[in-house]
Amino acid sequence: MKVITTIIKYQIWLLLSIFSGMGCMRIELGKPTKATGFFAIFNGLDESIIIWIGGFIGLISFIPFVLIDLCYIKRKIETKLNQNIVRIFTVIILSAIVTLIHYVLEFMLNWI
């Protein structure tokens, strides 16, 4: 039973990590522009980019989150409230770092 609750908790943290990645991509892309005429068919492109790339950023940032959670947060921090606060900040910081790396590789170095 303990294994099942641990898996469910990590699935919830995975969803939060994916949403955090989508939020970071929304900040990176800015406000979407709406085209008119023939190019109006591309209006949904911003949302699909946020879903796909933000989802991948969330998945990539979840891997070090699990390692940090297992190696540091569970062992060093004793109260559950403080553990959850540190976990939330860890998810946000890791998503921001992965988004920053994506931004540098795509726009500044043209590697992606």
PDB file of N, CA and C in Angstrom:
ATOM      1  N   MET A   1       0.817  -1.193   0.000  1.00  0.00           N
ATOM      2  CA  MET A   1       0.000   0.000   0.000  1.00  0.00           C
ATOM      3  C   MET A   1       0.864   1.262   0.000  1.00  0.00           C
ATOM      4  N   LYS A   2       1.989   1.201   0.663  1.00  0.00           N
ATOM      5  CA  LYS A   2       2.880   2.358   0.712  1.00  0.00           C
ATOM      6  C   LYS A   2       3.468   2.660  -0.666  1.00  0.00           C
ATOM      7  N   VAL A   3       3.719   1.616  -1.454  1.00  0.00           N
ATOM      8  CA  VAL A   3       4.268   1.793  -2.795  1.00  0.00           C
ATOM      9  C   VAL A   3       3.251   2.487  -3.696  1.00  0.00           C
ATOM     10  N   ILE A   4       1.989   2.100  -3.575  1.00  0.00           N
ATOM     11  CA  ILE A   4       0.949   2.694  -4.406  1.00  0.00           C
ATOM     12  C   ILE A   4       0.774   4.170  -4.072  1.00  0.00           C
ATOM     13  N   THR A   5       0.784   4.528  -2.791  1.00  0.00           N
ATOM     14  CA  THR A   5       0.654   5.936  -2.425  1.00  0.00           C
ATOM     15  C   THR A   5       1.866   6.746  -2.885  1.00  0.00           C
ATOM     16  N   THR A   6       3.045   6.153  -2.856  1.00  0.00           N
ATOM     17  CA  THR A   6       4.242   6.841  -3.343  1.00  0.00           C
ATOM     18  C   THR A   6       4.152   7.080  -4.840  1.00  0.00           C
ATOM     19  N   ILE A   7       3.674   6.100  -5.581  1.00  0.00           N
ATOM     20  CA  ILE A   7       3.517   6.254  -7.028  1.00  0.00           C
ATOM     21  C   ILE A   7       2.492   7.336  -7.343  1.00  0.00           C
ATOM     22  N   ILE A   8       1.390   7.365  -6.608  1.00  0.00           N
ATOM     23  CA  ILE A   8       0.366   8.391  -6.832  1.00  0.00           C
ATOM     24  C   ILE A   8       0.910   9.777  -6.508  1.00  0.00           C
ATOM     25  N   LYS A   9       1.683   9.899  -5.427  1.00  0.00           N
ATOM     26  CA  LYS A   9       2.265  11.193  -5.071  1.00  0.00           C
ATOM     27  C   LYS A   9       3.227  11.676  -6.155  1.00  0.00           C
ATOM     28  N   TYR A  10       4.046  10.774  -6.684  1.00  0.00           N
ATOM     29  CA  TYR A  10       4.974  11.183  -7.735  1.00  0.00           C
ATOM     30  C   TYR A  10       4.252  11.500  -9.037  1.00  0.00           C
ATOM     31  N   GLN A  11       3.114  10.869  -9.308  1.00  0.00           N
ATOM     32  CA  GLN A  11       2.333  11.232 -10.488  1.00  0.00           C
ATOM     33  C   GLN A  11       1.752  12.633 -10.345  1.00  0.00           C
ATOM     34  N   ILE A  12       1.336  12.989  -9.131  1.00  0.00           N
ATOM     35  CA  ILE A  12       0.850  14.349  -8.898  1.00  0.00           C
ATOM     36  C   ILE A  12       1.982  15.348  -9.083  1.00  0.00           C
ATOM     37  N   TRP A  13       3.187  15.035  -8.575  1.00  0.00           N
ATOM     38  CA  TRP A  13       4.329  15.935  -8.748  1.00  0.00           C
ATOM     39  C   TRP A  13       4.740  16.010 -10.217  1.00  0.00           C
ATOM     40  N   LEU A  14       4.556  14.918 -10.962  1.00  0.00           N
ATOM     41  CA  LEU A  14       4.829  14.942 -12.401  1.00  0.00           C
ATOM     42  C   LEU A  14       3.878  15.901 -13.115  1.00  0.00           C
ATOM     43  N   LEU A  15       2.601  15.856 -12.782  1.00  0.00           N
ATOM     44  CA  LEU A  15       1.648  16.783 -13.393  1.00  0.00           C
ATOM     45  C   LEU A  15       1.981  18.228 -13.038  1.00  0.00           C
ATOM     46  N   LEU A  16       2.343  18.478 -11.787  1.00  0.00           N
ATOM     47  CA  LEU A  16       2.731  19.831 -11.399  1.00  0.00           C
ATOM     48  C   LEU A  16       3.986  20.279 -12.138  1.00  0.00           C
ATOM     49  N   SER A  17       4.917  19.360 -12.367  1.00  0.00           N
ATOM     50  CA  SER A  17       6.127  19.688 -13.107  1.00  0.00           C
ATOM     51  C   SER A  17       5.803  20.013 -14.563  1.00  0.00           C
ATOM     52  N   ILE A  18       4.895  19.263 -15.165  1.00  0.00           N
ATOM     53  CA  ILE A  18       4.497  19.535 -16.547  1.00  0.00           C
ATOM     54  C   ILE A  18       3.800  20.882 -16.651  1.00  0.00           C
ATOM     55  N   PHE A  19       2.892  21.180 -15.713  1.00  0.00           N
ATOM     56  CA  PHE A  19       2.221  22.490 -15.725  1.00  0.00           C
ATOM     57  C   PHE A  19       3.205  23.621 -15.478  1.00  0.00           C
ATOM     58  N   SER A  20       4.208  23.373 -14.649  1.00  0.00           N
ATOM     59  CA  SER A  20       5.233  24.394 -14.421  1.00  0.00           C
ATOM     60  C   SER A  20       6.046  24.633 -15.691  1.00  0.00           C
ATOM     61  N   GLY A  21       6.353  23.574 -16.423  1.00  0.00           N
ATOM     62  CA  GLY A  21       7.043  23.726 -17.704  1.00  0.00           C
ATOM     63  C   GLY A  21       6.214  24.489 -18.714  1.00  0.00           C
ATOM     64  N   MET A  22       4.905  24.235 -18.727  1.00  0.00           N
ATOM     65  CA  MET A  22       4.026  24.983 -19.625  1.00  0.00           C
ATOM     66  C   MET A  22       3.958  26.450 -19.224  1.00  0.00           C
ATOM     67  N   GLY A  23       3.954  26.717 -17.926  1.00  0.00           N
ATOM     68  CA  GLY A  23       3.950  28.103 -17.467  1.00  0.00           C
ATOM     69  C   GLY A  23       5.218  28.836 -17.847  1.00  0.00           C
ATOM     70  N   CYS A  24       6.352  28.145 -17.727  1.00  0.00           N
ATOM     71  CA  CYS A  24       7.620  28.768 -18.127  1.00  0.00           C
ATOM     72  C   CYS A  24       7.663  29.033 -19.624  1.00  0.00           C
ATOM     73  N   MET A  25       7.094  28.134 -20.420  1.00  0.00           N
ATOM     74  CA  MET A  25       7.038  28.377 -21.859  1.00  0.00           C
ATOM     75  C   MET A  25       6.109  29.541 -22.194  1.00  0.00           C
ATOM     76  N   ARG A  26       5.033  29.707 -21.438  1.00  0.00           N
ATOM     77  CA  ARG A  26       4.144  30.845 -21.657  1.00  0.00           C
ATOM     78  C   ARG A  26       4.889  32.153 -21.372  1.00  0.00           C
ATOM     79  N   ILE A  27       5.704  32.156 -20.326  1.00  0.00           N
ATOM     80  CA  ILE A  27       6.495  33.343 -20.016  1.00  0.00           C
ATOM     81  C   ILE A  27       7.515  33.602 -21.116  1.00  0.00           C
ATOM     82  N   GLU A  28       8.147  32.533 -21.619  1.00  0.00           N
ATOM     83  CA  GLU A  28       9.152  32.693 -22.669  1.00  0.00           C
ATOM     84  C   GLU A  28       8.544  33.184 -23.980  1.00  0.00           C
ATOM     85  N   LEU A  29       7.379  32.660 -24.371  1.00  0.00           N
ATOM     86  CA  LEU A  29       6.775  33.027 -25.645  1.00  0.00           C
ATOM     87  C   LEU A  29       6.065  34.374 -25.588  1.00  0.00           C
ATOM     88  N   GLY A  30       5.563  34.745 -24.447  1.00  0.00           N
ATOM     89  CA  GLY A  30       4.857  36.009 -24.337  1.00  0.00           C
ATOM     90  C   GLY A  30       3.419  35.890 -24.806  1.00  0.00           C
ATOM     91  N   LYS A  31       2.795  37.035 -25.015  1.00  0.00           N
ATOM     92  CA  LYS A  31       1.402  37.072 -25.433  1.00  0.00           C
ATOM     93  C   LYS A  31       1.285  36.635 -26.888  1.00  0.00           C
ATOM     94  N   PRO A  32       0.361  35.707 -27.178  1.00  0.00           N
ATOM     95  CA  PRO A  32       0.213  35.264 -28.568  1.00  0.00           C
ATOM     96  C   PRO A  32      -0.391  36.357 -29.450  1.00  0.00           C
ATOM     97  N   THR A  33       0.082  36.405 -30.671  1.00  0.00           N
ATOM     98  CA  THR A  33      -0.458  37.357 -31.637  1.00  0.00           C
ATOM     99  C   THR A  33      -1.490  36.639 -32.504  1.00  0.00           C
ATOM    100  N   LYS A  34      -2.527  37.347 -32.845  1.00  0.00           N
ATOM    101  CA  LYS A  34      -3.591  36.779 -33.678  1.00  0.00           C
ATOM    102  C   LYS A  34      -3.460  37.308 -35.098  1.00  0.00           C
ATOM    103  N   ALA A  35      -3.367  36.386 -36.048  1.00  0.00           N
ATOM    104  CA  ALA A  35      -3.263  36.753 -37.456  1.00  0.00           C
ATOM    105  C   ALA A  35      -4.659  36.823 -38.069  1.00  0.00           C
ATOM    106  N   THR A  36      -4.750  37.500 -39.163  1.00  0.00           N
ATOM    107  CA  THR A  36      -6.016  37.598 -39.888  1.00  0.00           C
ATOM    108  C   THR A  36      -5.810  37.101 -41.318  1.00  0.00           C
ATOM    109  N   GLY A  37      -6.892  36.842 -41.975  1.00  0.00           N
ATOM    110  CA  GLY A  37      -6.829  36.401 -43.366  1.00  0.00           C
ATOM    111  C   GLY A  37      -6.412  34.949 -43.472  1.00  0.00           C
ATOM    112  N   PHE A  38      -5.569  34.649 -44.460  1.00  0.00           N
ATOM    113  CA  PHE A  38      -5.133  33.285 -44.716  1.00  0.00           C
ATOM    114  C   PHE A  38      -4.309  32.727 -43.554  1.00  0.00           C
ATOM    115  N   PHE A  39      -3.509  33.562 -42.933  1.00  0.00           N
ATOM    116  CA  PHE A  39      -2.619  33.093 -41.870  1.00  0.00           C
ATOM    117  C   PHE A  39      -3.335  32.862 -40.547  1.00  0.00           C
ATOM    118  N   ALA A  40      -4.644  33.035 -40.514  1.00  0.00           N
ATOM    119  CA  ALA A  40      -5.418  32.778 -39.299  1.00  0.00           C
ATOM    120  C   ALA A  40      -5.424  31.296 -38.950  1.00  0.00           C
ATOM    121  N   ILE A  41      -5.065  30.428 -39.898  1.00  0.00           N
ATOM    122  CA  ILE A  41      -5.018  28.998 -39.599  1.00  0.00           C
ATOM    123  C   ILE A  41      -3.865  28.659 -38.650  1.00  0.00           C
ATOM    124  N   PHE A  42      -2.915  29.578 -38.495  1.00  0.00           N
ATOM    125  CA  PHE A  42      -1.779  29.349 -37.604  1.00  0.00           C
ATOM    126  C   PHE A  42      -1.973  29.949 -36.215  1.00  0.00           C
ATOM    127  N   ASN A  43      -3.179  30.420 -35.889  1.00  0.00           N
ATOM    128  CA  ASN A  43      -3.423  31.052 -34.598  1.00  0.00           C
ATOM    129  C   ASN A  43      -3.266  30.081 -33.435  1.00  0.00           C
ATOM    130  N   GLY A  44      -3.544  28.835 -33.629  1.00  0.00           N
ATOM    131  CA  GLY A  44      -3.431  27.853 -32.555  1.00  0.00           C
ATOM    132  C   GLY A  44      -2.031  27.313 -32.358  1.00  0.00           C
ATOM    133  N   LEU A  45      -1.083  27.815 -33.121  1.00  0.00           N
ATOM    134  CA  LEU A  45       0.280  27.293 -33.046  1.00  0.00           C
ATOM    135  C   LEU A  45       0.942  27.590 -31.700  1.00  0.00           C
ATOM    136  N   ASP A  46       0.668  28.753 -31.125  1.00  0.00           N
ATOM    137  CA  ASP A  46       1.262  29.091 -29.826  1.00  0.00           C
ATOM    138  C   ASP A  46       0.827  28.114 -28.735  1.00  0.00           C
ATOM    139  N   GLU A  47      -0.456  27.780 -28.725  1.00  0.00           N
ATOM    140  CA  GLU A  47      -0.953  26.862 -27.707  1.00  0.00           C
ATOM    141  C   GLU A  47      -0.359  25.470 -27.866  1.00  0.00           C
ATOM    142  N   SER A  48      -0.226  25.012 -29.102  1.00  0.00           N
ATOM    143  CA  SER A  48       0.350  23.685 -29.306  1.00  0.00           C
ATOM    144  C   SER A  48       1.832  23.659 -28.939  1.00  0.00           C
ATOM    145  N   ILE A  49       2.542  24.761 -29.191  1.00  0.00           N
ATOM    146  CA  ILE A  49       3.943  24.833 -28.791  1.00  0.00           C
ATOM    147  C   ILE A  49       4.058  24.800 -27.274  1.00  0.00           C
ATOM    148  N   ILE A  50       3.175  25.514 -26.600  1.00  0.00           N
ATOM    149  CA  ILE A  50       3.208  25.517 -25.142  1.00  0.00           C
ATOM    150  C   ILE A  50       2.933  24.126 -24.597  1.00  0.00           C
ATOM    151  N   ILE A  51       1.986  23.428 -25.179  1.00  0.00           N
ATOM    152  CA  ILE A  51       1.651  22.091 -24.690  1.00  0.00           C
ATOM    153  C   ILE A  51       2.798  21.116 -24.944  1.00  0.00           C
ATOM    154  N   TRP A  52       3.338  21.091 -26.168  1.00  0.00           N
ATOM    155  CA  TRP A  52       4.371  20.115 -26.499  1.00  0.00           C
ATOM    156  C   TRP A  52       5.709  20.422 -25.832  1.00  0.00           C
ATOM    157  N   ILE A  53       6.232  21.599 -26.076  1.00  0.00           N
ATOM    158  CA  ILE A  53       7.554  21.929 -25.541  1.00  0.00           C
ATOM    159  C   ILE A  53       7.489  22.091 -24.029  1.00  0.00           C
ATOM    160  N   GLY A  54       6.441  22.727 -23.517  1.00  0.00           N
ATOM    161  CA  GLY A  54       6.285  22.849 -22.070  1.00  0.00           C
ATOM    162  C   GLY A  54       6.137  21.499 -21.389  1.00  0.00           C
ATOM    163  N   GLY A  55       5.441  20.583 -22.042  1.00  0.00           N
ATOM    164  CA  GLY A  55       5.326  19.224 -21.494  1.00  0.00           C
ATOM    165  C   GLY A  55       6.663  18.508 -21.439  1.00  0.00           C
ATOM    166  N   PHE A  56       7.449  18.641 -22.495  1.00  0.00           N
ATOM    167  CA  PHE A  56       8.772  18.022 -22.497  1.00  0.00           C
ATOM    168  C   PHE A  56       9.696  18.668 -21.462  1.00  0.00           C
ATOM    169  N   ILE A  57       9.592  19.971 -21.317  1.00  0.00           N
ATOM    170  CA  ILE A  57      10.398  20.651 -20.294  1.00  0.00           C
ATOM    171  C   ILE A  57      10.005  20.153 -18.911  1.00  0.00           C
ATOM    172  N   GLY A  58       8.710  19.967 -18.684  1.00  0.00           N
ATOM    173  CA  GLY A  58       8.250  19.424 -17.413  1.00  0.00           C
ATOM    174  C   GLY A  58       8.736  18.005 -17.177  1.00  0.00           C
ATOM    175  N   LEU A  59       8.725  17.179 -18.225  1.00  0.00           N
ATOM    176  CA  LEU A  59       9.224  15.811 -18.076  1.00  0.00           C
ATOM    177  C   LEU A  59      10.721  15.776 -17.796  1.00  0.00           C
ATOM    178  N   ILE A  60      11.465  16.613 -18.487  1.00  0.00           N
ATOM    179  CA  ILE A  60      12.912  16.650 -18.283  1.00  0.00           C
ATOM    180  C   ILE A  60      13.246  17.173 -16.897  1.00  0.00           C
ATOM    181  N   SER A  61      12.509  18.159 -16.409  1.00  0.00           N
ATOM    182  CA  SER A  61      12.797  18.695 -15.077  1.00  0.00           C
ATOM    183  C   SER A  61      12.305  17.764 -13.972  1.00  0.00           C
ATOM    184  N   PHE A  62      11.447  16.807 -14.291  1.00  0.00           N
ATOM    185  CA  PHE A  62      10.959  15.872 -13.273  1.00  0.00           C
ATOM    186  C   PHE A  62      12.038  14.867 -12.870  1.00  0.00           C
ATOM    187  N   ILE A  63      12.928  14.513 -13.777  1.00  0.00           N
ATOM    188  CA  ILE A  63      13.965  13.521 -13.461  1.00  0.00           C
ATOM    189  C   ILE A  63      14.893  13.999 -12.356  1.00  0.00           C
ATOM    190  N   PRO A  64      15.487  15.205 -12.449  1.00  0.00           N
ATOM    191  CA  PRO A  64      16.301  15.651 -11.309  1.00  0.00           C
ATOM    192  C   PRO A  64      15.464  15.948 -10.069  1.00  0.00           C
ATOM    193  N   PHE A  65      14.173  16.267 -10.247  1.00  0.00           N
ATOM    194  CA  PHE A  65      13.317  16.479  -9.075  1.00  0.00           C
ATOM    195  C   PHE A  65      13.209  15.209  -8.244  1.00  0.00           C
ATOM    196  N   VAL A  66      13.021  14.072  -8.897  1.00  0.00           N
ATOM    197  CA  VAL A  66      12.918  12.813  -8.161  1.00  0.00           C
ATOM    198  C   VAL A  66      14.223  12.522  -7.425  1.00  0.00           C
ATOM    199  N   LEU A  67      15.353  12.762  -8.083  1.00  0.00           N
ATOM    200  CA  LEU A  67      16.642  12.525  -7.426  1.00  0.00           C
ATOM    201  C   LEU A  67      16.842  13.450  -6.231  1.00  0.00           C
ATOM    202  N   ILE A  68      16.492  14.722  -6.385  1.00  0.00           N
ATOM    203  CA  ILE A  68      16.619  15.663  -5.271  1.00  0.00           C
ATOM    204  C   ILE A  68      15.658  15.286  -4.148  1.00  0.00           C
ATOM    205  N   ASP A  69      14.462  14.847  -4.509  1.00  0.00           N
ATOM    206  CA  ASP A  69      13.483  14.468  -3.498  1.00  0.00           C
ATOM    207  C   ASP A  69      13.944  13.248  -2.707  1.00  0.00           C
ATOM    208  N   LEU A  70      14.455  12.257  -3.399  1.00  0.00           N
ATOM    209  CA  LEU A  70      14.876  11.033  -2.707  1.00  0.00           C
ATOM    210  C   LEU A  70      16.154  11.228  -1.898  1.00  0.00           C
ATOM    211  N   CYS A  71      17.092  11.978  -2.447  1.00  0.00           N
ATOM    212  CA  CYS A  71      18.403  12.095  -1.792  1.00  0.00           C
ATOM    213  C   CYS A  71      18.469  13.207  -0.758  1.00  0.00           C
ATOM    214  N   TYR A  72      17.675  14.248  -0.914  1.00  0.00           N
ATOM    215  CA  TYR A  72      17.822  15.386   0.001  1.00  0.00           C
ATOM    216  C   TYR A  72      16.559  15.700   0.799  1.00  0.00           C
ATOM    217  N   ILE A  73      15.448  15.907   0.117  1.00  0.00           N
ATOM    218  CA  ILE A  73      14.261  16.426   0.789  1.00  0.00           C
ATOM    219  C   ILE A  73      13.712  15.437   1.816  1.00  0.00           C
ATOM    220  N   LYS A  74      13.597  14.174   1.453  1.00  0.00           N
ATOM    221  CA  LYS A  74      13.045  13.188   2.389  1.00  0.00           C
ATOM    222  C   LYS A  74      13.965  12.926   3.572  1.00  0.00           C
ATOM    223  N   ARG A  75      15.264  13.061   3.366  1.00  0.00           N
ATOM    224  CA  ARG A  75      16.214  12.736   4.437  1.00  0.00           C
ATOM    225  C   ARG A  75      16.513  13.908   5.358  1.00  0.00           C
ATOM    226  N   LYS A  76      16.580  15.106   4.812  1.00  0.00           N
ATOM    227  CA  LYS A  76      17.050  16.249   5.594  1.00  0.00           C
ATOM    228  C   LYS A  76      15.934  17.058   6.244  1.00  0.00           C
ATOM    229  N   ILE A  77      14.785  17.157   5.595  1.00  0.00           N
ATOM    230  CA  ILE A  77      13.708  17.995   6.105  1.00  0.00           C
ATOM    231  C   ILE A  77      12.691  17.094   6.797  1.00  0.00           C
ATOM    232  N   GLU A  78      12.323  17.470   8.032  1.00  0.00           N
ATOM    233  CA  GLU A  78      11.546  16.550   8.855  1.00  0.00           C
ATOM    234  C   GLU A  78      10.036  16.763   8.808  1.00  0.00           C
ATOM    235  N   THR A  79       9.566  18.000   8.749  1.00  0.00           N
ATOM    236  CA  THR A  79       8.125  18.217   8.771  1.00  0.00           C
ATOM    237  C   THR A  79       7.553  18.152   7.350  1.00  0.00           C
ATOM    238  N   LYS A  80       6.336  17.628   7.250  1.00  0.00           N
ATOM    239  CA  LYS A  80       5.700  17.436   5.944  1.00  0.00           C
ATOM    240  C   LYS A  80       5.405  18.761   5.248  1.00  0.00           C
ATOM    241  N   LEU A  81       5.012  19.770   6.016  1.00  0.00           N
ATOM    242  CA  LEU A  81       4.702  21.063   5.414  1.00  0.00           C
ATOM    243  C   LEU A  81       5.946  21.671   4.781  1.00  0.00           C
ATOM    244  N   ASN A  82       7.055  21.631   5.483  1.00  0.00           N
ATOM    245  CA  ASN A  82       8.301  22.163   4.923  1.00  0.00           C
ATOM    246  C   ASN A  82       8.764  21.348   3.725  1.00  0.00           C
ATOM    247  N   GLN A  83       8.553  20.027   3.750  1.00  0.00           N
ATOM    248  CA  GLN A  83       8.923  19.189   2.607  1.00  0.00           C
ATOM    249  C   GLN A  83       8.137  19.599   1.367  1.00  0.00           C
ATOM    250  N   ASN A  84       6.847  19.830   1.522  1.00  0.00           N
ATOM    251  CA  ASN A  84       6.023  20.201   0.363  1.00  0.00           C
ATOM    252  C   ASN A  84       6.380  21.580  -0.163  1.00  0.00           C
ATOM    253  N   ILE A  85       6.695  22.516   0.730  1.00  0.00           N
ATOM    254  CA  ILE A  85       7.101  23.845   0.288  1.00  0.00           C
ATOM    255  C   ILE A  85       8.398  23.765  -0.509  1.00  0.00           C
ATOM    256  N   VAL A  86       9.359  22.997  -0.010  1.00  0.00           N
ATOM    257  CA  VAL A  86      10.637  22.840  -0.711  1.00  0.00           C
ATOM    258  C   VAL A  86      10.428  22.120  -2.039  1.00  0.00           C
ATOM    259  N   ARG A  87       9.524  21.157  -2.080  1.00  0.00           N
ATOM    260  CA  ARG A  87       9.241  20.451  -3.332  1.00  0.00           C
ATOM    261  C   ARG A  87       8.639  21.390  -4.378  1.00  0.00           C
ATOM    262  N   ILE A  88       7.715  22.249  -3.965  1.00  0.00           N
ATOM    263  CA  ILE A  88       7.108  23.189  -4.913  1.00  0.00           C
ATOM    264  C   ILE A  88       8.169  24.129  -5.485  1.00  0.00           C
ATOM    265  N   PHE A  89       9.011  24.685  -4.605  1.00  0.00           N
ATOM    266  CA  PHE A  89      10.064  25.566  -5.092  1.00  0.00           C
ATOM    267  C   PHE A  89      11.069  24.818  -5.968  1.00  0.00           C
ATOM    268  N   THR A  90      11.339  23.573  -5.652  1.00  0.00           N
ATOM    269  CA  THR A  90      12.259  22.768  -6.458  1.00  0.00           C
ATOM    270  C   THR A  90      11.699  22.547  -7.860  1.00  0.00           C
ATOM    271  N   VAL A  91      10.414  22.226  -7.967  1.00  0.00           N
ATOM    272  CA  VAL A  91       9.785  22.021  -9.278  1.00  0.00           C
ATOM    273  C   VAL A  91       9.846  23.305 -10.100  1.00  0.00           C
ATOM    274  N   ILE A  92       9.532  24.439  -9.481  1.00  0.00           N
ATOM    275  CA  ILE A  92       9.527  25.714 -10.205  1.00  0.00           C
ATOM    276  C   ILE A  92      10.940  26.083 -10.660  1.00  0.00           C
ATOM    277  N   ILE A  93      11.913  25.930  -9.768  1.00  0.00           N
ATOM    278  CA  ILE A  93      13.299  26.290 -10.105  1.00  0.00           C
ATOM    279  C   ILE A  93      13.856  25.385 -11.190  1.00  0.00           C
ATOM    280  N   LEU A  94      13.603  24.082 -11.091  1.00  0.00           N
ATOM    281  CA  LEU A  94      14.113  23.158 -12.116  1.00  0.00           C
ATOM    282  C   LEU A  94      13.456  23.415 -13.471  1.00  0.00           C
ATOM    283  N   SER A  95      12.175  23.704 -13.491  1.00  0.00           N
ATOM    284  CA  SER A  95      11.508  24.024 -14.759  1.00  0.00           C
ATOM    285  C   SER A  95      12.069  25.305 -15.365  1.00  0.00           C
ATOM    286  N   ALA A  96      12.343  26.284 -14.516  1.00  0.00           N
ATOM    287  CA  ALA A  96      12.925  27.532 -15.015  1.00  0.00           C
ATOM    288  C   ALA A  96      14.325  27.307 -15.568  1.00  0.00           C
ATOM    289  N   ILE A  97      15.118  26.467 -14.917  1.00  0.00           N
ATOM    290  CA  ILE A  97      16.476  26.182 -15.391  1.00  0.00           C
ATOM    291  C   ILE A  97      16.434  25.456 -16.739  1.00  0.00           C
ATOM    292  N   VAL A  98      15.558  24.462 -16.861  1.00  0.00           N
ATOM    293  CA  VAL A  98      15.457  23.720 -18.123  1.00  0.00           C
ATOM    294  C   VAL A  98      14.931  24.627 -19.233  1.00  0.00           C
ATOM    295  N   THR A  99      13.990  25.526 -18.913  1.00  0.00           N
ATOM    296  CA  THR A  99      13.500  26.478 -19.901  1.00  0.00           C
ATOM    297  C   THR A  99      14.606  27.438 -20.330  1.00  0.00           C
ATOM    298  N   LEU A 100      15.408  27.882 -19.396  1.00  0.00           N
ATOM    299  CA  LEU A 100      16.531  28.762 -19.720  1.00  0.00           C
ATOM    300  C   LEU A 100      17.544  28.055 -20.622  1.00  0.00           C
ATOM    301  N   ILE A 101      17.838  26.802 -20.321  1.00  0.00           N
ATOM    302  CA  ILE A 101      18.747  26.031 -21.173  1.00  0.00           C
ATOM    303  C   ILE A 101      18.157  25.879 -22.577  1.00  0.00           C
ATOM    304  N   HIS A 102      16.853  25.611 -22.674  1.00  0.00           N
ATOM    305  CA  HIS A 102      16.190  25.504 -23.969  1.00  0.00           C
ATOM    306  C   HIS A 102      16.276  26.824 -24.729  1.00  0.00           C
ATOM    307  N   TYR A 103      16.048  27.922 -24.038  1.00  0.00           N
ATOM    308  CA  TYR A 103      16.103  29.238 -24.672  1.00  0.00           C
ATOM    309  C   TYR A 103      17.505  29.542 -25.196  1.00  0.00           C
ATOM    310  N   VAL A 104      18.525  29.252 -24.390  1.00  0.00           N
ATOM    311  CA  VAL A 104      19.909  29.522 -24.815  1.00  0.00           C
ATOM    312  C   VAL A 104      20.273  28.662 -26.015  1.00  0.00           C
ATOM    313  N   LEU A 105      19.923  27.384 -25.985  1.00  0.00           N
ATOM    314  CA  LEU A 105      20.279  26.498 -27.093  1.00  0.00           C
ATOM    315  C   LEU A 105      19.511  26.835 -28.370  1.00  0.00           C
ATOM    316  N   GLU A 106      18.268  27.275 -28.238  1.00  0.00           N
ATOM    317  CA  GLU A 106      17.482  27.523 -29.438  1.00  0.00           C
ATOM    318  C   GLU A 106      17.740  28.898 -30.047  1.00  0.00           C
ATOM    319  N   PHE A 107      17.761  29.924 -29.242  1.00  0.00           N
ATOM    320  CA  PHE A 107      17.796  31.269 -29.802  1.00  0.00           C
ATOM    321  C   PHE A 107      19.190  31.890 -29.801  1.00  0.00           C
ATOM    322  N   MET A 108      20.027  31.581 -28.847  1.00  0.00           N
ATOM    323  CA  MET A 108      21.322  32.226 -28.798  1.00  0.00           C
ATOM    324  C   MET A 108      22.400  31.428 -29.535  1.00  0.00           C
ATOM    325  N   LEU A 109      22.334  30.103 -29.449  1.00  0.00           N
ATOM    326  CA  LEU A 109      23.349  29.279 -30.109  1.00  0.00           C
ATOM    327  C   LEU A 109      22.838  28.606 -31.381  1.00  0.00           C
ATOM    328  N   ASN A 110      21.528  28.635 -31.614  1.00  0.00           N
ATOM    329  CA  ASN A 110      20.903  28.017 -32.783  1.00  0.00           C
ATOM    330  C   ASN A 110      21.250  26.536 -32.898  1.00  0.00           C
ATOM    331  N   TRP A 111      21.191  25.812 -31.790  1.00  0.00           N
ATOM    332  CA  TRP A 111      21.512  24.382 -31.794  1.00  0.00           C
ATOM    333  C   TRP A 111      20.283  23.508 -31.960  1.00  0.00           C
ATOM    334  N   ILE A 112      19.111  24.025 -31.661  1.00  0.00           N
ATOM    335  CA  ILE A 112      17.912  23.201 -31.735  1.00  0.00           C
ATOM    336  C   ILE A 112      17.146  23.595 -32.979  1.00  0.00           C
TER     337      ILE A 112
END
